[in-house]
Amino acid sequence: MDKARRVFNLMIEKGCAPNIVTYSTMINGYCKAKRLDEAMELFHEISQKGPIPGTVTYNTLMQDGLCKTGHIEEALELFQAMRNRGLGLDIVPYTILIDGLCKAGHIEVAKELFHQLSDNGLKPDVYAYCIMINGLCKEGLPDEAYRMFGSMGDNDCLPNSCCYNVMIRGFLQNSYTSKATQLLTEMVGKGFSADIFTATLFMDLIVHSNKSILL
């Protein structure tokens, strides 16, 4: 990143003003290098002087910079700033923030944001559902997660292999063995299969309970 910054500074010295793509690339690089302070410095620079940051720049900083490093409050503030600027928000920034909130254990705020999707004319996709289902299960709420799993069709969004595996693992991790086995049978009937993580949990169950489960 230091070499990239020298080239970046040289562009400015030569009178070649960086555009938003260049700034976004630099911000992304700093985020991936876990140099958040420098990423934020560049972001504040363009916010005040231009070029005006778009959704890609905001999303990059929110996902790779703030959420991944546990700066959830700052991520929420950045999300609100996107709204205040009147940027046309699609499902991507919502999903980024919901994922960050779930991983940080802020499940109630994540649920609130998830339900705001429909209020803003957006429909959650499979990825958004998987994130919420996983978050609910990790918070010990498998029943609520399963209700959400069952409601996916209401938004014309059918569970895929990922969603089935996430829900099954959630059941197993919360000792809902019977429900996990039933859902596994349903999943296989739809042509999906257990991934390595789900299979490992079932194998562990078999070893410790001497039960036979056909994967």
C-alpha atoms as a PDB file:
ATOM      1  CA  MET A   1       0.000   0.000   0.000  1.00  0.00           C
ATOM      2  CA  ASP A   2       2.899   2.361   0.606  1.00  0.00           C
ATOM      3  CA  LYS A   3       3.987   2.090  -3.044  1.00  0.00           C
ATOM      4  CA  ALA A   4       0.401   2.614  -4.164  1.00  0.00           C
ATOM      5  CA  ARG A   5       0.163   5.708  -1.985  1.00  0.00           C
ATOM      6  CA  ARG A   6       3.357   7.142  -3.474  1.00  0.00           C
ATOM      7  CA  VAL A   7       1.946   6.709  -6.984  1.00  0.00           C
ATOM      8  CA  PHE A   8      -1.337   8.212  -5.800  1.00  0.00           C
ATOM      9  CA  ASN A   9       0.445  11.260  -4.366  1.00  0.00           C
ATOM     10  CA  LEU A  10       2.551  11.585  -7.518  1.00  0.00           C
ATOM     11  CA  MET A  11      -0.618  11.753  -9.611  1.00  0.00           C
ATOM     12  CA  ILE A  12      -1.792  14.707  -7.549  1.00  0.00           C
ATOM     13  CA  GLU A  13       1.615  16.423  -7.752  1.00  0.00           C
ATOM     14  CA  LYS A  14       1.555  16.099 -11.550  1.00  0.00           C
ATOM     15  CA  GLY A  15      -1.868  17.726 -11.693  1.00  0.00           C
ATOM     16  CA  CYS A  16      -3.741  14.509 -12.447  1.00  0.00           C
ATOM     17  CA  ALA A  17      -6.665  14.567 -10.039  1.00  0.00           C
ATOM     18  CA  PRO A  18      -7.682  11.036  -8.945  1.00  0.00           C
ATOM     19  CA  ASN A  19     -11.257  10.109  -9.800  1.00  0.00           C
ATOM     20  CA  ILE A  20     -13.666   8.219  -7.557  1.00  0.00           C
ATOM     21  CA  VAL A  21     -12.502   4.850  -8.948  1.00  0.00           C
ATOM     22  CA  THR A  22      -8.921   5.602  -7.902  1.00  0.00           C
ATOM     23  CA  TYR A  23     -10.008   6.744  -4.455  1.00  0.00           C
ATOM     24  CA  SER A  24     -12.220   3.679  -4.011  1.00  0.00           C
ATOM     25  CA  THR A  25      -9.346   1.401  -5.022  1.00  0.00           C
ATOM     26  CA  MET A  26      -7.068   3.038  -2.468  1.00  0.00           C
ATOM     27  CA  ILE A  27      -9.709   2.830   0.255  1.00  0.00           C
ATOM     28  CA  ASN A  28     -10.298  -0.839  -0.556  1.00  0.00           C
ATOM     29  CA  GLY A  29      -6.570  -1.528  -0.395  1.00  0.00           C
ATOM     30  CA  TYR A  30      -6.222   0.142   2.991  1.00  0.00           C
ATOM     31  CA  CYS A  31      -9.223  -1.805   4.302  1.00  0.00           C
ATOM     32  CA  LYS A  32      -7.814  -5.135   3.148  1.00  0.00           C
ATOM     33  CA  ALA A  33      -4.460  -4.212   4.690  1.00  0.00           C
ATOM     34  CA  LYS A  34      -6.306  -3.467   7.956  1.00  0.00           C
ATOM     35  CA  ARG A  35      -5.179   0.149   7.872  1.00  0.00           C
ATOM     36  CA  LEU A  36      -8.580   1.552   8.708  1.00  0.00           C
ATOM     37  CA  ASP A  37      -7.401   4.973   9.874  1.00  0.00           C
ATOM     38  CA  GLU A  38      -5.860   5.700   6.477  1.00  0.00           C
ATOM     39  CA  ALA A  39      -8.948   4.401   4.684  1.00  0.00           C
ATOM     40  CA  MET A  40     -11.146   6.689   6.770  1.00  0.00           C
ATOM     41  CA  GLU A  41      -8.800   9.622   6.164  1.00  0.00           C
ATOM     42  CA  LEU A  42      -9.167   9.242   2.396  1.00  0.00           C
ATOM     43  CA  PHE A  43     -12.917   8.799   2.701  1.00  0.00           C
ATOM     44  CA  HIS A  44     -13.302  12.000   4.726  1.00  0.00           C
ATOM     45  CA  GLU A  45     -11.092  13.793   2.208  1.00  0.00           C
ATOM     46  CA  ILE A  46     -13.368  13.000  -0.726  1.00  0.00           C
ATOM     47  CA  SER A  47     -16.489  13.576   1.365  1.00  0.00           C
ATOM     48  CA  GLN A  48     -15.343  17.152   1.974  1.00  0.00           C
ATOM     49  CA  LYS A  49     -13.504  18.012  -1.251  1.00  0.00           C
ATOM     50  CA  GLY A  50     -14.794  15.560  -3.845  1.00  0.00           C
ATOM     51  CA  PRO A  51     -15.120  13.550  -5.947  1.00  0.00           C
ATOM     52  CA  ILE A  52     -18.433  12.556  -4.371  1.00  0.00           C
ATOM     53  CA  PRO A  53     -18.332   8.957  -3.085  1.00  0.00           C
ATOM     54  CA  GLY A  54     -20.931   6.576  -4.485  1.00  0.00           C
ATOM     55  CA  THR A  55     -22.443   3.401  -3.115  1.00  0.00           C
ATOM     56  CA  VAL A  56     -19.432   1.275  -4.118  1.00  0.00           C
ATOM     57  CA  THR A  57     -17.103   3.392  -1.983  1.00  0.00           C
ATOM     58  CA  TYR A  58     -19.496   3.350   0.967  1.00  0.00           C
ATOM     59  CA  ASN A  59     -20.042  -0.403   0.671  1.00  0.00           C
ATOM     60  CA  THR A  60     -16.310  -1.097   0.505  1.00  0.00           C
ATOM     61  CA  LEU A  61     -15.576   0.923   3.609  1.00  0.00           C
ATOM     62  CA  MET A  62     -18.541  -0.492   5.496  1.00  0.00           C
ATOM     63  CA  GLN A  63     -17.836  -4.138   4.656  1.00  0.00           C
ATOM     64  CA  ASP A  64     -14.065  -4.494   4.370  1.00  0.00           C
ATOM     65  CA  GLY A  65     -13.200  -1.726   6.800  1.00  0.00           C
ATOM     66  CA  LEU A  66     -15.729  -1.221   9.564  1.00  0.00           C
ATOM     67  CA  CYS A  67     -17.775  -4.419   9.886  1.00  0.00           C
ATOM     68  CA  LYS A  68     -14.810  -6.771   9.567  1.00  0.00           C
ATOM     69  CA  THR A  69     -12.989  -4.947  12.347  1.00  0.00           C
ATOM     70  CA  GLY A  70     -15.999  -4.793  14.659  1.00  0.00           C
ATOM     71  CA  HIS A  71     -16.655  -1.053  14.273  1.00  0.00           C
ATOM     72  CA  ILE A  72     -20.414  -1.571  14.111  1.00  0.00           C
ATOM     73  CA  GLU A  73     -21.438   1.839  15.465  1.00  0.00           C
ATOM     74  CA  GLU A  74     -19.332   3.547  12.798  1.00  0.00           C
ATOM     75  CA  ALA A  75     -20.817   1.245  10.151  1.00  0.00           C
ATOM     76  CA  LEU A  76     -24.330   2.228  11.250  1.00  0.00           C
ATOM     77  CA  GLU A  77     -23.363   5.899  11.037  1.00  0.00           C
ATOM     78  CA  LEU A  78     -21.963   5.373   7.539  1.00  0.00           C
ATOM     79  CA  PHE A  79     -25.148   3.606   6.480  1.00  0.00           C
ATOM     80  CA  GLN A  80     -27.194   6.535   7.767  1.00  0.00           C
ATOM     81  CA  ALA A  81     -24.911   8.931   5.894  1.00  0.00           C
ATOM     82  CA  MET A  82     -25.707   7.033   2.687  1.00  0.00           C
ATOM     83  CA  ARG A  83     -29.391   7.549   3.355  1.00  0.00           C
ATOM     84  CA  ASN A  84     -28.914  11.220   4.175  1.00  0.00           C
ATOM     85  CA  ARG A  85     -27.088  11.770   0.886  1.00  0.00           C
ATOM     86  CA  GLY A  86     -30.074  10.360  -0.961  1.00  0.00           C
ATOM     87  CA  LEU A  87     -28.103   7.546  -2.545  1.00  0.00           C
ATOM     88  CA  GLY A  88     -30.303   4.923  -4.154  1.00  0.00           C
ATOM     89  CA  LEU A  89     -29.741   1.988  -1.831  1.00  0.00           C
ATOM     90  CA  ASP A  90     -30.176  -1.532  -3.126  1.00  0.00           C
ATOM     91  CA  ILE A  91     -30.010  -4.669  -1.000  1.00  0.00           C
ATOM     92  CA  VAL A  92     -26.181  -4.766  -0.874  1.00  0.00           C
ATOM     93  CA  PRO A  93     -25.508  -2.196   1.901  1.00  0.00           C
ATOM     94  CA  TYR A  94     -28.386  -3.628   3.937  1.00  0.00           C
ATOM     95  CA  THR A  95     -26.929  -7.128   3.662  1.00  0.00           C
ATOM     96  CA  ILE A  96     -23.430  -5.942   4.561  1.00  0.00           C
ATOM     97  CA  LEU A  97     -24.693  -4.245   7.698  1.00  0.00           C
ATOM     98  CA  ILE A  98     -27.045  -7.081   8.689  1.00  0.00           C
ATOM     99  CA  ASP A  99     -24.126  -9.503   8.402  1.00  0.00           C
ATOM    100  CA  GLY A 100     -21.916  -7.273  10.541  1.00  0.00           C
ATOM    101  CA  LEU A 101     -24.640  -6.858  13.160  1.00  0.00           C
ATOM    102  CA  CYS A 102     -25.276 -10.608  13.367  1.00  0.00           C
ATOM    103  CA  LYS A 103     -21.582 -11.404  13.741  1.00  0.00           C
ATOM    104  CA  ALA A 104     -21.307  -8.792  16.493  1.00  0.00           C
ATOM    105  CA  GLY A 105     -24.277 -10.309  18.339  1.00  0.00           C
ATOM    106  CA  HIS A 106     -26.648  -7.379  17.715  1.00  0.00           C
ATOM    107  CA  ILE A 107     -29.440  -9.634  16.500  1.00  0.00           C
ATOM    108  CA  GLU A 108     -32.331  -7.316  17.413  1.00  0.00           C
ATOM    109  CA  VAL A 109     -30.887  -4.437  15.391  1.00  0.00           C
ATOM    110  CA  ALA A 110     -30.191  -6.856  12.531  1.00  0.00           C
ATOM    111  CA  LYS A 111     -33.825  -8.024  12.607  1.00  0.00           C
ATOM    112  CA  GLU A 112     -35.058  -4.442  12.554  1.00  0.00           C
ATOM    113  CA  LEU A 113     -32.893  -3.629   9.540  1.00  0.00           C
ATOM    114  CA  PHE A 114     -33.975  -6.832   7.788  1.00  0.00           C
ATOM    115  CA  HIS A 115     -37.637  -5.897   8.169  1.00  0.00           C
ATOM    116  CA  GLN A 116     -36.895  -2.408   6.844  1.00  0.00           C
ATOM    117  CA  LEU A 117     -36.126  -3.951   3.469  1.00  0.00           C
ATOM    118  CA  SER A 118     -39.794  -4.355   2.577  1.00  0.00           C
ATOM    119  CA  ASP A 119     -40.563  -0.876   3.946  1.00  0.00           C
ATOM    120  CA  ASN A 120     -38.093   0.494   1.406  1.00  0.00           C
ATOM    121  CA  GLY A 121     -39.410  -1.491  -1.535  1.00  0.00           C
ATOM    122  CA  LEU A 122     -36.694  -4.143  -1.413  1.00  0.00           C
ATOM    123  CA  LYS A 123     -36.981  -7.916  -1.161  1.00  0.00           C
ATOM    124  CA  PRO A 124     -34.434  -9.976   0.784  1.00  0.00           C
ATOM    125  CA  ASP A 125     -32.514 -12.415  -1.383  1.00  0.00           C
ATOM    126  CA  VAL A 126     -31.259 -15.888  -0.478  1.00  0.00           C
ATOM    127  CA  TYR A 127     -27.999 -14.475   0.867  1.00  0.00           C
ATOM    128  CA  ALA A 128     -29.799 -12.062   3.204  1.00  0.00           C
ATOM    129  CA  TYR A 129     -32.013 -14.873   4.489  1.00  0.00           C
ATOM    130  CA  CYS A 130     -29.002 -17.139   5.093  1.00  0.00           C
ATOM    131  CA  ILE A 131     -27.303 -14.414   7.115  1.00  0.00           C
ATOM    132  CA  MET A 132     -30.365 -13.820   9.293  1.00  0.00           C
ATOM    133  CA  ILE A 133     -31.115 -17.526   9.786  1.00  0.00           C
ATOM    134  CA  ASN A 134     -27.516 -18.156  10.794  1.00  0.00           C
ATOM    135  CA  GLY A 135     -27.529 -15.155  13.130  1.00  0.00           C
ATOM    136  CA  LEU A 136     -30.739 -16.245  14.855  1.00  0.00           C
ATOM    137  CA  CYS A 137     -29.464 -19.792  15.333  1.00  0.00           C
ATOM    138  CA  LYS A 138     -26.200 -18.562  16.825  1.00  0.00           C
ATOM    139  CA  GLU A 139     -28.200 -16.505  19.313  1.00  0.00           C
ATOM    140  CA  GLY A 140     -30.100 -19.635  20.386  1.00  0.00           C
ATOM    141  CA  LEU A 141     -33.264 -18.807  18.445  1.00  0.00           C
ATOM    142  CA  PRO A 142     -33.706 -21.798  16.091  1.00  0.00           C
ATOM    143  CA  ASP A 143     -37.518 -21.665  16.219  1.00  0.00           C
ATOM    144  CA  GLU A 144     -37.549 -18.063  15.031  1.00  0.00           C
ATOM    145  CA  ALA A 145     -34.935 -18.939  12.425  1.00  0.00           C
ATOM    146  CA  TYR A 146     -37.107 -21.783  11.132  1.00  0.00           C
ATOM    147  CA  ARG A 147     -40.136 -19.497  10.888  1.00  0.00           C
ATOM    148  CA  MET A 148     -38.046 -17.147   8.772  1.00  0.00           C
ATOM    149  CA  PHE A 149     -36.824 -20.107   6.712  1.00  0.00           C
ATOM    150  CA  GLY A 150     -40.438 -21.126   6.109  1.00  0.00           C
ATOM    151  CA  SER A 151     -41.474 -17.599   5.125  1.00  0.00           C
ATOM    152  CA  MET A 152     -38.930 -17.232   2.322  1.00  0.00           C
ATOM    153  CA  GLY A 153     -41.527 -18.137  -0.292  1.00  0.00           C
ATOM    154  CA  ASP A 154     -43.571 -15.090   0.738  1.00  0.00           C
ATOM    155  CA  ASN A 155     -40.862 -12.996  -0.926  1.00  0.00           C
ATOM    156  CA  ASP A 156     -40.598 -15.276  -3.960  1.00  0.00           C
ATOM    157  CA  CYS A 157     -37.294 -16.541  -2.597  1.00  0.00           C
ATOM    158  CA  LEU A 158     -36.893 -20.305  -2.319  1.00  0.00           C
ATOM    159  CA  PRO A 159     -34.280 -21.878  -0.016  1.00  0.00           C
ATOM    160  CA  ASN A 160     -31.188 -23.130  -1.791  1.00  0.00           C
ATOM    161  CA  SER A 161     -28.556 -25.600  -0.622  1.00  0.00           C
ATOM    162  CA  CYS A 162     -26.829 -22.934   1.479  1.00  0.00           C
ATOM    163  CA  CYS A 163     -30.029 -22.031   3.343  1.00  0.00           C
ATOM    164  CA  TYR A 164     -30.862 -25.660   4.045  1.00  0.00           C
ATOM    165  CA  ASN A 165     -27.381 -26.345   5.368  1.00  0.00           C
ATOM    166  CA  VAL A 166     -27.392 -23.233   7.552  1.00  0.00           C
ATOM    167  CA  MET A 167     -30.796 -24.130   9.013  1.00  0.00           C
ATOM    168  CA  ILE A 168     -29.833 -27.766   9.617  1.00  0.00           C
ATOM    169  CA  ARG A 169     -26.607 -26.728  11.342  1.00  0.00           C
ATOM    170  CA  GLY A 170     -28.608 -24.296  13.452  1.00  0.00           C
ATOM    171  CA  PHE A 171     -30.884 -27.116  14.587  1.00  0.00           C
ATOM    172  CA  LEU A 172     -27.935 -29.373  15.390  1.00  0.00           C
ATOM    173  CA  GLN A 173     -26.057 -26.664  17.278  1.00  0.00           C
ATOM    174  CA  ASN A 174     -29.160 -26.067  19.391  1.00  0.00           C
ATOM    175  CA  SER A 175     -29.772 -29.803  19.997  1.00  0.00           C
ATOM    176  CA  TYR A 176     -32.826 -30.002  17.723  1.00  0.00           C
ATOM    177  CA  THR A 177     -31.656 -33.357  16.360  1.00  0.00           C
ATOM    178  CA  SER A 178     -35.028 -34.639  15.173  1.00  0.00           C
ATOM    179  CA  LYS A 179     -35.853 -31.445  13.276  1.00  0.00           C
ATOM    180  CA  ALA A 180     -32.380 -31.409  11.746  1.00  0.00           C
ATOM    181  CA  THR A 181     -32.815 -34.977  10.498  1.00  0.00           C
ATOM    182  CA  GLN A 182     -36.264 -34.215   9.070  1.00  0.00           C
ATOM    183  CA  LEU A 183     -34.950 -31.146   7.265  1.00  0.00           C
ATOM    184  CA  LEU A 184     -31.988 -33.127   5.944  1.00  0.00           C
ATOM    185  CA  THR A 185     -34.420 -35.625   4.409  1.00  0.00           C
ATOM    186  CA  GLU A 186     -36.387 -32.755   2.854  1.00  0.00           C
ATOM    187  CA  MET A 187     -33.210 -31.173   1.507  1.00  0.00           C
ATOM    188  CA  VAL A 188     -32.013 -34.400  -0.114  1.00  0.00           C
ATOM    189  CA  GLY A 189     -35.477 -34.866  -1.617  1.00  0.00           C
ATOM    190  CA  LYS A 190     -35.086 -31.494  -3.335  1.00  0.00           C
ATOM    191  CA  GLY A 191     -31.796 -32.550  -4.880  1.00  0.00           C
ATOM    192  CA  PHE A 192     -29.465 -30.782  -2.448  1.00  0.00           C
ATOM    193  CA  SER A 193     -26.766 -32.402  -0.326  1.00  0.00           C
ATOM    194  CA  ALA A 194     -25.102 -31.744   3.001  1.00  0.00           C
ATOM    195  CA  ASP A 195     -21.940 -29.659   2.795  1.00  0.00           C
ATOM    196  CA  ILE A 196     -18.779 -30.612   4.674  1.00  0.00           C
ATOM    197  CA  PHE A 197     -19.710 -28.586   7.767  1.00  0.00           C
ATOM    198  CA  THR A 198     -23.188 -30.093   8.065  1.00  0.00           C
ATOM    199  CA  ALA A 199     -21.877 -33.598   7.371  1.00  0.00           C
ATOM    200  CA  THR A 200     -19.238 -33.177  10.084  1.00  0.00           C
ATOM    201  CA  LEU A 201     -21.871 -32.207  12.658  1.00  0.00           C
ATOM    202  CA  PHE A 202     -23.970 -35.239  11.740  1.00  0.00           C
ATOM    203  CA  MET A 203     -20.946 -37.532  11.922  1.00  0.00           C
ATOM    204  CA  ASP A 204     -20.147 -36.144  15.353  1.00  0.00           C
ATOM    205  CA  LEU A 205     -23.739 -36.835  16.390  1.00  0.00           C
ATOM    206  CA  ILE A 206     -23.505 -40.416  15.122  1.00  0.00           C
ATOM    207  CA  VAL A 207     -20.226 -41.043  16.941  1.00  0.00           C
ATOM    208  CA  HIS A 208     -21.550 -39.766  20.248  1.00  0.00           C
ATOM    209  CA  SER A 209     -25.035 -41.271  20.075  1.00  0.00           C
ATOM    210  CA  ASN A 210     -24.413 -44.517  18.154  1.00  0.00           C
ATOM    211  CA  LYS A 211     -27.271 -43.569  15.821  1.00  0.00           C
ATOM    212  CA  SER A 212     -27.227 -44.236  12.108  1.00  0.00           C
ATOM    213  CA  ILE A 213     -28.226 -41.331   9.862  1.00  0.00           C
ATOM    214  CA  LEU A 214     -28.082 -41.611   6.103  1.00  0.00           C
ATOM    215  CA  LEU A 215     -26.395 -38.493   4.685  1.00  0.00           C
END
